Amino acid sequence: MRLAKWDNAKFILMYFVVLGHIVGEFGIETEFLGGLTYFIYLFHIPAFLFISGLFSKKSVRDLRYDKALAYFVLYVFIKSFRHLVLFFGLEEDTKFFLFREGNTPWFAIVLMLCYLVTMVVRKWNKIYVMVFFVGLGLMIGFDTKLGNIMAGTRFLTFYPFFLAGYYFDMEKLQRITQSIKAKVVSAAVLAGTLWMCFAGWFDRWPIEFLKGRDPYKEMHLLDVGLKYRSAYYVLVMLLVLCVLTLVPSVESAVSRWGSRTIQVFALHIPIVSVLAVEYEESRALQNTLAPYADFAVPIFALLLTIVLSLKIWEPLFKAIMNPMKGDNKTK
């Protein structure tokens, strides 16, 4: 039985993913979209990983390696599809490196690694495991070699959020998120953080810092990176819980769309890439859109997210996410 709250959360977060990619790929720079995008990048990936960890418990306990394989198959599909669209549709001479990923498909390979590593450490002491991987997340910022290889830097940066979801008790989380007091506090925290994003309080944290890929040295944070990432883990975990607390539990069309976010994630990538190139090459389109970007871009992102959430795309992604036939099917 699916719980509407979590499907609602997934749709909202996927909308934020699409919106963030459109703003970034199109290179649209307005004060409103800049502040909003920064706010989104503070928590949307950690929240997705937290939810994934929350619902990974049975798969990890049952050693469902086919679940991890499904995310690798998804990664190969997205990467190949994006490469073909760029090569044939835009005639861009893109290079294809299967195990080196710096673009959007990285999230699929990180999910695969999250499942595999959690299966290995599932019986270990929770406190020791969490401390160890938070420590790795802090220290990986000093590394300049791993980078995009198997999205390794991002995996180590963001894995503590998946692990937190895996360790978090679902019933306890439900009680917290249903509390009126918690909802009031969460609304205040998120409103305050949003205001801080627009007021420039996070100027010392470049947006690349939130993406979890670049080493401290490249971001000119070598002396303060450890301190900043420590604060980042605390703040972002709080924001994730606040966001999930405010997500409604009412079942609606949003819930149905939220049950199909994988297809949105996979399909929006080449679409946004193609549209971004067309936008960049059309001065008339830029001049037409620019005055209305602050509301046109969020609306377009919402419409694209809804269209790609429709059931028409579901059979393809059910096949992709069920690569193993027989008794061991992904549920």
C-alpha atoms as a PDB file:
ATOM      1  CA  MET A   1       0.000   0.000   0.000  1.00  0.00           C
ATOM      2  CA  ARG A   2       1.440   3.363  -1.060  1.00  0.00           C
ATOM      3  CA  LEU A   3       1.370   6.294   1.352  1.00  0.00           C
ATOM      4  CA  ALA A   4       0.192   9.507  -0.275  1.00  0.00           C
ATOM      5  CA  LYS A   5       2.443  11.732   1.832  1.00  0.00           C
ATOM      6  CA  TRP A   6       5.637  10.254   0.417  1.00  0.00           C
ATOM      7  CA  ASP A   7       4.405  10.287  -3.173  1.00  0.00           C
ATOM      8  CA  ASN A   8       3.399  13.930  -2.676  1.00  0.00           C
ATOM      9  CA  ALA A   9       6.883  14.652  -1.348  1.00  0.00           C
ATOM     10  CA  LYS A  10       8.518  12.928  -4.312  1.00  0.00           C
ATOM     11  CA  PHE A  11       6.499  14.939  -6.820  1.00  0.00           C
ATOM     12  CA  ILE A  12       7.316  18.226  -5.099  1.00  0.00           C
ATOM     13  CA  LEU A  13      11.011  17.355  -4.936  1.00  0.00           C
ATOM     14  CA  MET A  14      11.071  16.212  -8.566  1.00  0.00           C
ATOM     15  CA  TYR A  15       9.451  19.483  -9.584  1.00  0.00           C
ATOM     16  CA  PHE A  16      12.283  21.258  -7.774  1.00  0.00           C
ATOM     17  CA  VAL A  17      14.806  19.087  -9.643  1.00  0.00           C
ATOM     18  CA  VAL A  18      13.305  19.991 -13.023  1.00  0.00           C
ATOM     19  CA  LEU A  19      13.042  23.687 -12.112  1.00  0.00           C
ATOM     20  CA  GLY A  20      16.636  23.794 -10.936  1.00  0.00           C
ATOM     21  CA  HIS A  21      17.897  22.128 -14.117  1.00  0.00           C
ATOM     22  CA  ILE A  22      15.915  24.469 -16.374  1.00  0.00           C
ATOM     23  CA  VAL A  23      17.273  27.556 -14.618  1.00  0.00           C
ATOM     24  CA  GLY A  24      20.815  26.163 -14.725  1.00  0.00           C
ATOM     25  CA  GLU A  25      20.782  24.825 -18.296  1.00  0.00           C
ATOM     26  CA  PHE A  26      19.090  27.891 -19.749  1.00  0.00           C
ATOM     27  CA  GLY A  27      21.441  30.205 -17.875  1.00  0.00           C
ATOM     28  CA  ILE A  28      18.547  32.414 -16.779  1.00  0.00           C
ATOM     29  CA  GLU A  29      19.745  34.907 -14.182  1.00  0.00           C
ATOM     30  CA  THR A  30      17.190  36.856 -12.202  1.00  0.00           C
ATOM     31  CA  GLU A  31      17.309  37.717  -8.531  1.00  0.00           C
ATOM     32  CA  PHE A  32      14.132  35.745  -7.823  1.00  0.00           C
ATOM     33  CA  LEU A  33      15.118  32.574  -9.705  1.00  0.00           C
ATOM     34  CA  GLY A  34      18.648  32.754  -8.321  1.00  0.00           C
ATOM     35  CA  GLY A  35      17.460  32.879  -4.718  1.00  0.00           C
ATOM     36  CA  LEU A  36      14.801  30.225  -5.294  1.00  0.00           C
ATOM     37  CA  THR A  37      17.231  27.870  -7.044  1.00  0.00           C
ATOM     38  CA  TYR A  38      19.762  28.215  -4.236  1.00  0.00           C
ATOM     39  CA  PHE A  39      17.053  27.398  -1.694  1.00  0.00           C
ATOM     40  CA  ILE A  40      16.062  24.321  -3.714  1.00  0.00           C
ATOM     41  CA  TYR A  41      19.643  23.071  -3.967  1.00  0.00           C
ATOM     42  CA  LEU A  42      20.024  23.273  -0.209  1.00  0.00           C
ATOM     43  CA  PHE A  43      17.743  20.288   0.375  1.00  0.00           C
ATOM     44  CA  HIS A  44      16.185  18.647  -2.705  1.00  0.00           C
ATOM     45  CA  ILE A  45      18.820  15.949  -3.339  1.00  0.00           C
ATOM     46  CA  PRO A  46      19.356  15.170   0.376  1.00  0.00           C
ATOM     47  CA  ALA A  47      15.569  14.907   0.812  1.00  0.00           C
ATOM     48  CA  PHE A  48      15.252  12.510  -2.109  1.00  0.00           C
ATOM     49  CA  LEU A  49      18.034  10.348  -0.704  1.00  0.00           C
ATOM     50  CA  PHE A  50      16.511  10.433   2.774  1.00  0.00           C
ATOM     51  CA  ILE A  51      13.183   9.176   1.397  1.00  0.00           C
ATOM     52  CA  SER A  52      14.984   6.513  -0.660  1.00  0.00           C
ATOM     53  CA  GLY A  53      16.799   5.336   2.458  1.00  0.00           C
ATOM     54  CA  LEU A  54      13.562   5.370   4.439  1.00  0.00           C
ATOM     55  CA  PHE A  55      11.957   2.939   1.994  1.00  0.00           C
ATOM     56  CA  SER A  56      15.056   0.821   1.383  1.00  0.00           C
ATOM     57  CA  LYS A  57      14.802  -1.180   4.596  1.00  0.00           C
ATOM     58  CA  LYS A  58      13.135  -4.306   3.178  1.00  0.00           C
ATOM     59  CA  SER A  59      15.277  -4.373   0.047  1.00  0.00           C
ATOM     60  CA  VAL A  60      18.448  -4.015   2.112  1.00  0.00           C
ATOM     61  CA  ARG A  61      17.354  -6.626   4.646  1.00  0.00           C
ATOM     62  CA  ASP A  62      16.479  -9.088   1.882  1.00  0.00           C
ATOM     63  CA  LEU A  63      19.713  -8.320  -0.004  1.00  0.00           C
ATOM     64  CA  ARG A  64      17.820  -7.294  -3.115  1.00  0.00           C
ATOM     65  CA  TYR A  65      20.813  -6.836  -5.407  1.00  0.00           C
ATOM     66  CA  ASP A  66      18.386  -6.654  -8.313  1.00  0.00           C
ATOM     67  CA  LYS A  67      17.171  -3.338  -6.839  1.00  0.00           C
ATOM     68  CA  ALA A  68      20.679  -1.922  -7.071  1.00  0.00           C
ATOM     69  CA  LEU A  69      21.068  -3.362 -10.581  1.00  0.00           C
ATOM     70  CA  ALA A  70      17.841  -1.634 -11.620  1.00  0.00           C
ATOM     71  CA  TYR A  71      19.358   1.754 -10.815  1.00  0.00           C
ATOM     72  CA  PHE A  72      22.449   0.883 -12.849  1.00  0.00           C
ATOM     73  CA  VAL A  73      20.229  -0.074 -15.799  1.00  0.00           C
ATOM     74  CA  LEU A  74      18.381   3.234 -15.344  1.00  0.00           C
ATOM     75  CA  TYR A  75      21.713   5.068 -15.291  1.00  0.00           C
ATOM     76  CA  VAL A  76      22.850   3.423 -18.538  1.00  0.00           C
ATOM     77  CA  PHE A  77      19.500   4.209 -20.178  1.00  0.00           C
ATOM     78  CA  ILE A  78      19.548   7.897 -19.170  1.00  0.00           C
ATOM     79  CA  LYS A  79      23.185   8.342 -20.128  1.00  0.00           C
ATOM     80  CA  SER A  80      22.736   6.610 -23.493  1.00  0.00           C
ATOM     81  CA  PHE A  81      19.477   8.428 -24.285  1.00  0.00           C
ATOM     82  CA  ARG A  82      20.992  11.809 -23.444  1.00  0.00           C
ATOM     83  CA  HIS A  83      24.089  11.031 -25.530  1.00  0.00           C
ATOM     84  CA  LEU A  84      22.009   9.996 -28.556  1.00  0.00           C
ATOM     85  CA  VAL A  85      19.760  13.061 -28.337  1.00  0.00           C
ATOM     86  CA  LEU A  86      22.717  15.409 -28.129  1.00  0.00           C
ATOM     87  CA  PHE A  87      24.618  13.608 -30.898  1.00  0.00           C
ATOM     88  CA  PHE A  88      21.817  13.146 -33.436  1.00  0.00           C
ATOM     89  CA  GLY A  89      19.421  15.907 -32.413  1.00  0.00           C
ATOM     90  CA  LEU A  90      21.923  18.694 -31.842  1.00  0.00           C
ATOM     91  CA  GLU A  91      24.915  17.192 -33.638  1.00  0.00           C
ATOM     92  CA  GLU A  92      27.090  17.725 -30.592  1.00  0.00           C
ATOM     93  CA  ASP A  93      30.228  15.591 -30.518  1.00  0.00           C
ATOM     94  CA  THR A  94      29.802  14.363 -26.965  1.00  0.00           C
ATOM     95  CA  LYS A  95      32.100  11.762 -25.446  1.00  0.00           C
ATOM     96  CA  PHE A  96      30.624   8.710 -23.759  1.00  0.00           C
ATOM     97  CA  PHE A  97      32.340   7.466 -20.594  1.00  0.00           C
ATOM     98  CA  LEU A  98      30.223   4.845 -18.832  1.00  0.00           C
ATOM     99  CA  PHE A  99      31.844   5.043 -15.401  1.00  0.00           C
ATOM    100  CA  ARG A 100      32.622   8.749 -15.323  1.00  0.00           C
ATOM    101  CA  GLU A 101      29.589  10.894 -14.591  1.00  0.00           C
ATOM    102  CA  GLY A 102      29.380  14.603 -13.863  1.00  0.00           C
ATOM    103  CA  ASN A 103      25.966  15.330 -15.367  1.00  0.00           C
ATOM    104  CA  THR A 104      22.449  14.679 -14.107  1.00  0.00           C
ATOM    105  CA  PRO A 105      22.463  10.841 -14.495  1.00  0.00           C
ATOM    106  CA  TRP A 106      24.853  10.720 -11.529  1.00  0.00           C
ATOM    107  CA  PHE A 107      21.901  10.408  -9.161  1.00  0.00           C
ATOM    108  CA  ALA A 108      20.976   6.953 -10.490  1.00  0.00           C
ATOM    109  CA  ILE A 109      24.457   5.546  -9.996  1.00  0.00           C
ATOM    110  CA  VAL A 110      24.623   7.080  -6.512  1.00  0.00           C
ATOM    111  CA  LEU A 111      21.370   5.310  -5.606  1.00  0.00           C
ATOM    112  CA  MET A 112      22.886   2.028  -6.792  1.00  0.00           C
ATOM    113  CA  LEU A 113      25.925   2.590  -4.572  1.00  0.00           C
ATOM    114  CA  CYS A 114      23.704   3.579  -1.636  1.00  0.00           C
ATOM    115  CA  TYR A 115      21.852   0.278  -1.794  1.00  0.00           C
ATOM    116  CA  LEU A 116      24.998  -1.819  -2.216  1.00  0.00           C
ATOM    117  CA  VAL A 117      26.965  -0.156   0.583  1.00  0.00           C
ATOM    118  CA  THR A 118      23.981  -0.249   2.960  1.00  0.00           C
ATOM    119  CA  MET A 119      23.627  -3.981   2.323  1.00  0.00           C
ATOM    120  CA  VAL A 120      27.240  -4.396   3.431  1.00  0.00           C
ATOM    121  CA  VAL A 121      26.949  -2.320   6.624  1.00  0.00           C
ATOM    122  CA  ARG A 122      23.360  -3.247   7.558  1.00  0.00           C
ATOM    123  CA  LYS A 123      24.397  -5.294  10.631  1.00  0.00           C
ATOM    124  CA  TRP A 124      27.116  -2.966  11.859  1.00  0.00           C
ATOM    125  CA  ASN A 125      26.743  -0.570  14.773  1.00  0.00           C
ATOM    126  CA  LYS A 126      24.559   2.328  13.569  1.00  0.00           C
ATOM    127  CA  ILE A 127      26.438   5.040  15.433  1.00  0.00           C
ATOM    128  CA  TYR A 128      29.843   3.899  14.201  1.00  0.00           C
ATOM    129  CA  VAL A 129      28.608   3.618  10.616  1.00  0.00           C
ATOM    130  CA  MET A 130      27.014   7.057  10.620  1.00  0.00           C
ATOM    131  CA  VAL A 131      30.047   8.714  12.212  1.00  0.00           C
ATOM    132  CA  PHE A 132      32.349   6.969   9.733  1.00  0.00           C
ATOM    133  CA  PHE A 133      30.431   8.067   6.639  1.00  0.00           C
ATOM    134  CA  VAL A 134      29.822  11.607   7.884  1.00  0.00           C
ATOM    135  CA  GLY A 135      33.575  11.750   8.444  1.00  0.00           C
ATOM    136  CA  LEU A 136      34.179  10.541   4.877  1.00  0.00           C
ATOM    137  CA  GLY A 137      31.707  13.126   3.607  1.00  0.00           C
ATOM    138  CA  LEU A 138      33.666  15.837   5.394  1.00  0.00           C
ATOM    139  CA  MET A 139      37.070  14.615   4.238  1.00  0.00           C
ATOM    140  CA  ILE A 140      36.212  13.874   0.587  1.00  0.00           C
ATOM    141  CA  GLY A 141      36.190  17.614  -0.032  1.00  0.00           C
ATOM    142  CA  PHE A 142      39.984  17.576   0.269  1.00  0.00           C
ATOM    143  CA  ASP A 143      40.322  14.935  -2.467  1.00  0.00           C
ATOM    144  CA  THR A 144      41.027  16.093  -6.029  1.00  0.00           C
ATOM    145  CA  LYS A 145      41.298  12.687  -7.733  1.00  0.00           C
ATOM    146  CA  LEU A 146      38.013  10.780  -7.311  1.00  0.00           C
ATOM    147  CA  GLY A 147      35.755  13.447  -8.818  1.00  0.00           C
ATOM    148  CA  ASN A 148      33.273  12.061 -11.345  1.00  0.00           C
ATOM    149  CA  ILE A 149      34.509   8.465 -11.316  1.00  0.00           C
ATOM    150  CA  MET A 150      31.343   6.496 -10.507  1.00  0.00           C
ATOM    151  CA  ALA A 151      30.046   9.816  -9.126  1.00  0.00           C
ATOM    152  CA  GLY A 152      32.234   8.903  -6.146  1.00  0.00           C
ATOM    153  CA  THR A 153      32.617  12.352  -4.606  1.00  0.00           C
ATOM    154  CA  ARG A 154      28.889  12.980  -4.711  1.00  0.00           C
ATOM    155  CA  PHE A 155      28.150   9.552  -3.301  1.00  0.00           C
ATOM    156  CA  LEU A 156      30.382  10.115  -0.286  1.00  0.00           C
ATOM    157  CA  THR A 157      29.026  13.637   0.212  1.00  0.00           C
ATOM    158  CA  PHE A 158      25.350  12.673   0.086  1.00  0.00           C
ATOM    159  CA  TYR A 159      25.340   9.079   1.408  1.00  0.00           C
ATOM    160  CA  PRO A 160      24.811  10.168   5.062  1.00  0.00           C
ATOM    161  CA  PHE A 161      21.327  11.404   4.087  1.00  0.00           C
ATOM    162  CA  PHE A 162      20.373   8.010   2.594  1.00  0.00           C
ATOM    163  CA  LEU A 163      21.812   6.329   5.682  1.00  0.00           C
ATOM    164  CA  ALA A 164      19.830   8.646   7.968  1.00  0.00           C
ATOM    165  CA  GLY A 165      16.641   7.665   6.154  1.00  0.00           C
ATOM    166  CA  TYR A 166      17.541   3.986   6.426  1.00  0.00           C
ATOM    167  CA  TYR A 167      18.091   4.266  10.174  1.00  0.00           C
ATOM    168  CA  PHE A 168      15.096   6.521  10.871  1.00  0.00           C
ATOM    169  CA  ASP A 169      12.069   4.776  12.367  1.00  0.00           C
ATOM    170  CA  MET A 170       9.083   5.268  10.051  1.00  0.00           C
ATOM    171  CA  GLU A 171       6.462   5.343  12.812  1.00  0.00           C
ATOM    172  CA  LYS A 172       8.448   7.908  14.798  1.00  0.00           C
ATOM    173  CA  LEU A 173       8.845  10.057  11.694  1.00  0.00           C
ATOM    174  CA  GLN A 174       5.105   9.860  11.010  1.00  0.00           C
ATOM    175  CA  ARG A 175       4.351  11.051  14.537  1.00  0.00           C
ATOM    176  CA  ILE A 176       6.780  13.953  14.222  1.00  0.00           C
ATOM    177  CA  THR A 177       5.464  15.088  10.850  1.00  0.00           C
ATOM    178  CA  GLN A 178       1.836  14.967  12.000  1.00  0.00           C
ATOM    179  CA  SER A 179       2.429  17.262  14.971  1.00  0.00           C
ATOM    180  CA  ILE A 180       0.891  20.745  14.642  1.00  0.00           C
ATOM    181  CA  LYS A 181       3.748  22.212  16.652  1.00  0.00           C
ATOM    182  CA  ALA A 182       6.281  20.594  14.326  1.00  0.00           C
ATOM    183  CA  LYS A 183       4.465  22.015  11.293  1.00  0.00           C
ATOM    184  CA  VAL A 184       4.521  25.541  12.725  1.00  0.00           C
ATOM    185  CA  VAL A 185       8.223  25.300  13.573  1.00  0.00           C
ATOM    186  CA  SER A 186       8.993  23.787  10.154  1.00  0.00           C
ATOM    187  CA  ALA A 187       7.167  26.567   8.324  1.00  0.00           C
ATOM    188  CA  ALA A 188       9.107  29.163  10.320  1.00  0.00           C
ATOM    189  CA  VAL A 189      12.456  27.462   9.669  1.00  0.00           C
ATOM    190  CA  LEU A 190      11.851  27.136   5.928  1.00  0.00           C
ATOM    191  CA  ALA A 191      10.544  30.690   5.609  1.00  0.00           C
ATOM    192  CA  GLY A 192      13.584  31.978   7.481  1.00  0.00           C
ATOM    193  CA  THR A 193      15.972  29.942   5.341  1.00  0.00           C
ATOM    194  CA  LEU A 194      14.295  31.145   2.149  1.00  0.00           C
ATOM    195  CA  TRP A 195      14.664  34.735   3.320  1.00  0.00           C
ATOM    196  CA  MET A 196      18.333  34.087   4.119  1.00  0.00           C
ATOM    197  CA  CYS A 197      18.887  32.765   0.593  1.00  0.00           C
ATOM    198  CA  PHE A 198      17.541  35.982  -0.904  1.00  0.00           C
ATOM    199  CA  ALA A 199      19.310  38.162   1.661  1.00  0.00           C
ATOM    200  CA  GLY A 200      22.722  36.697   0.821  1.00  0.00           C
ATOM    201  CA  TRP A 201      23.412  34.938   4.113  1.00  0.00           C
ATOM    202  CA  PHE A 202      24.790  31.917   2.231  1.00  0.00           C
ATOM    203  CA  ASP A 203      27.089  33.862  -0.086  1.00  0.00           C
ATOM    204  CA  ARG A 204      30.108  32.070   1.354  1.00  0.00           C
ATOM    205  CA  TRP A 205      28.657  28.752   0.191  1.00  0.00           C
ATOM    206  CA  PRO A 206      28.822  28.768  -3.629  1.00  0.00           C
ATOM    207  CA  ILE A 207      26.089  26.723  -5.284  1.00  0.00           C
ATOM    208  CA  GLU A 208      28.773  24.240  -6.410  1.00  0.00           C
ATOM    209  CA  PHE A 209      29.289  23.495  -2.716  1.00  0.00           C
ATOM    210  CA  LEU A 210      25.666  22.314  -2.504  1.00  0.00           C
ATOM    211  CA  LYS A 211      26.101  20.016  -5.520  1.00  0.00           C
ATOM    212  CA  GLY A 212      28.635  17.901  -3.623  1.00  0.00           C
ATOM    213  CA  ARG A 213      31.043  17.361  -6.498  1.00  0.00           C
ATOM    214  CA  ASP A 214      33.858  19.909  -6.425  1.00  0.00           C
ATOM    215  CA  PRO A 215      36.761  19.719  -3.965  1.00  0.00           C
ATOM    216  CA  TYR A 216      37.180  22.470  -1.416  1.00  0.00           C
ATOM    217  CA  LYS A 217      40.283  23.739  -3.208  1.00  0.00           C
ATOM    218  CA  GLU A 218      38.449  24.427  -6.473  1.00  0.00           C
ATOM    219  CA  MET A 219      35.793  26.403  -4.608  1.00  0.00           C
ATOM    220  CA  HIS A 220      38.435  28.378  -2.662  1.00  0.00           C
ATOM    221  CA  LEU A 221      37.214  26.817   0.574  1.00  0.00           C
ATOM    222  CA  LEU A 222      40.319  24.846   1.490  1.00  0.00           C
ATOM    223  CA  ASP A 223      40.692  26.494   4.899  1.00  0.00           C
ATOM    224  CA  VAL A 224      37.004  26.519   5.822  1.00  0.00           C
ATOM    225  CA  GLY A 225      35.520  23.611   3.839  1.00  0.00           C
ATOM    226  CA  LEU A 226      35.492  21.222   6.788  1.00  0.00           C
ATOM    227  CA  LYS A 227      33.677  23.747   8.967  1.00  0.00           C
ATOM    228  CA  TYR A 228      31.227  24.660   6.215  1.00  0.00           C
ATOM    229  CA  ARG A 229      30.334  21.065   5.384  1.00  0.00           C
ATOM    230  CA  SER A 230      29.837  20.230   9.052  1.00  0.00           C
ATOM    231  CA  ALA A 231      27.359  23.107   9.308  1.00  0.00           C
ATOM    232  CA  TYR A 232      25.828  22.007   5.990  1.00  0.00           C
ATOM    233  CA  TYR A 233      25.053  18.501   7.292  1.00  0.00           C
ATOM    234  CA  VAL A 234      23.316  19.857  10.381  1.00  0.00           C
ATOM    235  CA  LEU A 235      21.343  22.569   8.572  1.00  0.00           C
ATOM    236  CA  VAL A 236      20.295  20.417   5.631  1.00  0.00           C
ATOM    237  CA  MET A 237      19.138  17.513   7.785  1.00  0.00           C
ATOM    238  CA  LEU A 238      16.951  20.001   9.656  1.00  0.00           C
ATOM    239  CA  LEU A 239      15.590  21.396   6.375  1.00  0.00           C
ATOM    240  CA  VAL A 240      14.820  17.906   5.062  1.00  0.00           C
ATOM    241  CA  LEU A 241      12.763  17.103   8.158  1.00  0.00           C
ATOM    242  CA  CYS A 242      11.001  20.464   7.938  1.00  0.00           C
ATOM    243  CA  VAL A 243      10.090  19.944   4.275  1.00  0.00           C
ATOM    244  CA  LEU A 244       8.763  16.444   4.922  1.00  0.00           C
ATOM    245  CA  THR A 245       6.769  17.702   7.917  1.00  0.00           C
ATOM    246  CA  LEU A 246       4.930  20.224   5.747  1.00  0.00           C
ATOM    247  CA  VAL A 247       4.131  17.839   2.880  1.00  0.00           C
ATOM    248  CA  PRO A 248       0.381  17.052   3.013  1.00  0.00           C
ATOM    249  CA  SER A 249      -0.873  13.483   3.436  1.00  0.00           C
ATOM    250  CA  VAL A 250      -3.977  13.965   1.270  1.00  0.00           C
ATOM    251  CA  GLU A 251      -4.189  11.640  -1.718  1.00  0.00           C
ATOM    252  CA  SER A 252      -4.651  13.469  -5.018  1.00  0.00           C
ATOM    253  CA  ALA A 253      -3.418  13.625  -8.591  1.00  0.00           C
ATOM    254  CA  VAL A 254      -0.103  14.828  -7.174  1.00  0.00           C
ATOM    255  CA  SER A 255       0.206  11.517  -5.310  1.00  0.00           C
ATOM    256  CA  ARG A 256      -0.279   9.560  -8.529  1.00  0.00           C
ATOM    257  CA  TRP A 257       2.244  11.706 -10.353  1.00  0.00           C
ATOM    258  CA  GLY A 258       4.639  11.323  -7.428  1.00  0.00           C
ATOM    259  CA  SER A 259       4.569   7.539  -7.771  1.00  0.00           C
ATOM    260  CA  ARG A 260       6.163   7.937 -11.212  1.00  0.00           C
ATOM    261  CA  THR A 261       9.073  10.316 -10.559  1.00  0.00           C
ATOM    262  CA  ILE A 262      11.687   7.967 -12.045  1.00  0.00           C
ATOM    263  CA  GLN A 263      10.359   8.590 -15.544  1.00  0.00           C
ATOM    264  CA  VAL A 264      10.395  12.355 -14.980  1.00  0.00           C
ATOM    265  CA  PHE A 265      13.991  12.171 -13.824  1.00  0.00           C
ATOM    266  CA  ALA A 266      15.022  10.147 -16.877  1.00  0.00           C
ATOM    267  CA  LEU A 267      13.091  11.987 -19.588  1.00  0.00           C
ATOM    268  CA  HIS A 268      13.481  15.617 -18.554  1.00  0.00           C
ATOM    269  CA  ILE A 269      17.270  15.548 -18.940  1.00  0.00           C
ATOM    270  CA  PRO A 270      17.535  15.377 -22.771  1.00  0.00           C
ATOM    271  CA  ILE A 271      14.433  17.554 -23.210  1.00  0.00           C
ATOM    272  CA  VAL A 272      15.893  20.354 -21.098  1.00  0.00           C
ATOM    273  CA  SER A 273      19.270  19.989 -22.857  1.00  0.00           C
ATOM    274  CA  VAL A 274      17.696  20.397 -26.313  1.00  0.00           C
ATOM    275  CA  LEU A 275      15.501  23.314 -25.273  1.00  0.00           C
ATOM    276  CA  ALA A 276      18.452  25.031 -23.591  1.00  0.00           C
ATOM    277  CA  VAL A 277      20.451  24.949 -26.820  1.00  0.00           C
ATOM    278  CA  GLU A 278      17.501  26.331 -28.790  1.00  0.00           C
ATOM    279  CA  TYR A 279      17.056  29.080 -26.192  1.00  0.00           C
ATOM    280  CA  GLU A 280      20.742  29.963 -26.273  1.00  0.00           C
ATOM    281  CA  GLU A 281      20.733  30.273 -30.077  1.00  0.00           C
ATOM    282  CA  SER A 282      17.521  32.308 -30.334  1.00  0.00           C
ATOM    283  CA  ARG A 283      17.928  35.947 -29.409  1.00  0.00           C
ATOM    284  CA  ALA A 284      14.237  36.559 -30.142  1.00  0.00           C
ATOM    285  CA  LEU A 285      13.218  33.827 -27.691  1.00  0.00           C
ATOM    286  CA  GLN A 286      15.523  35.257 -25.027  1.00  0.00           C
ATOM    287  CA  ASN A 287      14.108  38.743 -25.469  1.00  0.00           C
ATOM    288  CA  THR A 288      10.539  37.410 -25.325  1.00  0.00           C
ATOM    289  CA  LEU A 289      11.050  35.244 -22.237  1.00  0.00           C
ATOM    290  CA  ALA A 290      13.359  37.463 -20.180  1.00  0.00           C
ATOM    291  CA  PRO A 291      10.706  39.928 -18.853  1.00  0.00           C
ATOM    292  CA  TYR A 292       8.449  37.075 -17.698  1.00  0.00           C
ATOM    293  CA  ALA A 293      11.081  34.548 -16.574  1.00  0.00           C
ATOM    294  CA  ASP A 294      10.249  34.757 -12.861  1.00  0.00           C
ATOM    295  CA  PHE A 295       6.832  33.189 -13.346  1.00  0.00           C
ATOM    296  CA  ALA A 296       7.129  31.616 -16.841  1.00  0.00           C
ATOM    297  CA  VAL A 297      10.018  29.323 -15.881  1.00  0.00           C
ATOM    298  CA  PRO A 298       8.391  27.849 -12.723  1.00  0.00           C
ATOM    299  CA  ILE A 299       5.126  27.321 -14.630  1.00  0.00           C
ATOM    300  CA  PHE A 300       6.903  25.647 -17.552  1.00  0.00           C
ATOM    301  CA  ALA A 301       8.842  23.423 -15.134  1.00  0.00           C
ATOM    302  CA  LEU A 302       5.577  22.402 -13.445  1.00  0.00           C
ATOM    303  CA  LEU A 303       3.872  21.585 -16.759  1.00  0.00           C
ATOM    304  CA  LEU A 304       6.881  19.564 -17.945  1.00  0.00           C
ATOM    305  CA  THR A 305       6.982  17.651 -14.651  1.00  0.00           C
ATOM    306  CA  ILE A 306       3.267  16.823 -14.905  1.00  0.00           C
ATOM    307  CA  VAL A 307       3.466  15.719 -18.559  1.00  0.00           C
ATOM    308  CA  LEU A 308       6.428  13.450 -17.855  1.00  0.00           C
ATOM    309  CA  SER A 309       4.564  12.011 -14.826  1.00  0.00           C
ATOM    310  CA  LEU A 310       1.709  10.716 -16.979  1.00  0.00           C
ATOM    311  CA  LYS A 311       0.988   7.015 -17.114  1.00  0.00           C
ATOM    312  CA  ILE A 312       1.811   6.777 -20.821  1.00  0.00           C
ATOM    313  CA  TRP A 313       5.533   6.593 -19.986  1.00  0.00           C
ATOM    314  CA  GLU A 314       5.131   4.057 -17.180  1.00  0.00           C
ATOM    315  CA  PRO A 315       5.473   0.733 -19.109  1.00  0.00           C
ATOM    316  CA  LEU A 316       8.949   1.639 -20.380  1.00  0.00           C
ATOM    317  CA  PHE A 317      10.237   2.436 -16.921  1.00  0.00           C
ATOM    318  CA  LYS A 318       8.611  -0.561 -15.308  1.00  0.00           C
ATOM    319  CA  ALA A 319      10.652  -2.639 -17.743  1.00  0.00           C
ATOM    320  CA  ILE A 320      13.831  -0.694 -16.967  1.00  0.00           C
ATOM    321  CA  MET A 321      13.355  -0.980 -13.215  1.00  0.00           C
ATOM    322  CA  ASN A 322      12.637  -4.730 -13.428  1.00  0.00           C
ATOM    323  CA  PRO A 323      15.746  -6.040 -15.209  1.00  0.00           C
ATOM    324  CA  MET A 324      15.647  -9.383 -13.370  1.00  0.00           C
ATOM    325  CA  LYS A 325      12.893 -11.753 -14.444  1.00  0.00           C
ATOM    326  CA  GLY A 326      11.360 -14.457 -12.330  1.00  0.00           C
ATOM    327  CA  ASP A 327      10.696 -14.355  -8.597  1.00  0.00           C
ATOM    328  CA  ASN A 328      13.061 -11.515  -7.798  1.00  0.00           C
ATOM    329  CA  LYS A 329      11.113  -8.565  -9.196  1.00  0.00           C
ATOM    330  CA  THR A 330      11.299  -4.982  -8.037  1.00  0.00           C
ATOM    331  CA  LYS A 331       8.129  -4.061  -6.187  1.00  0.00           C
END
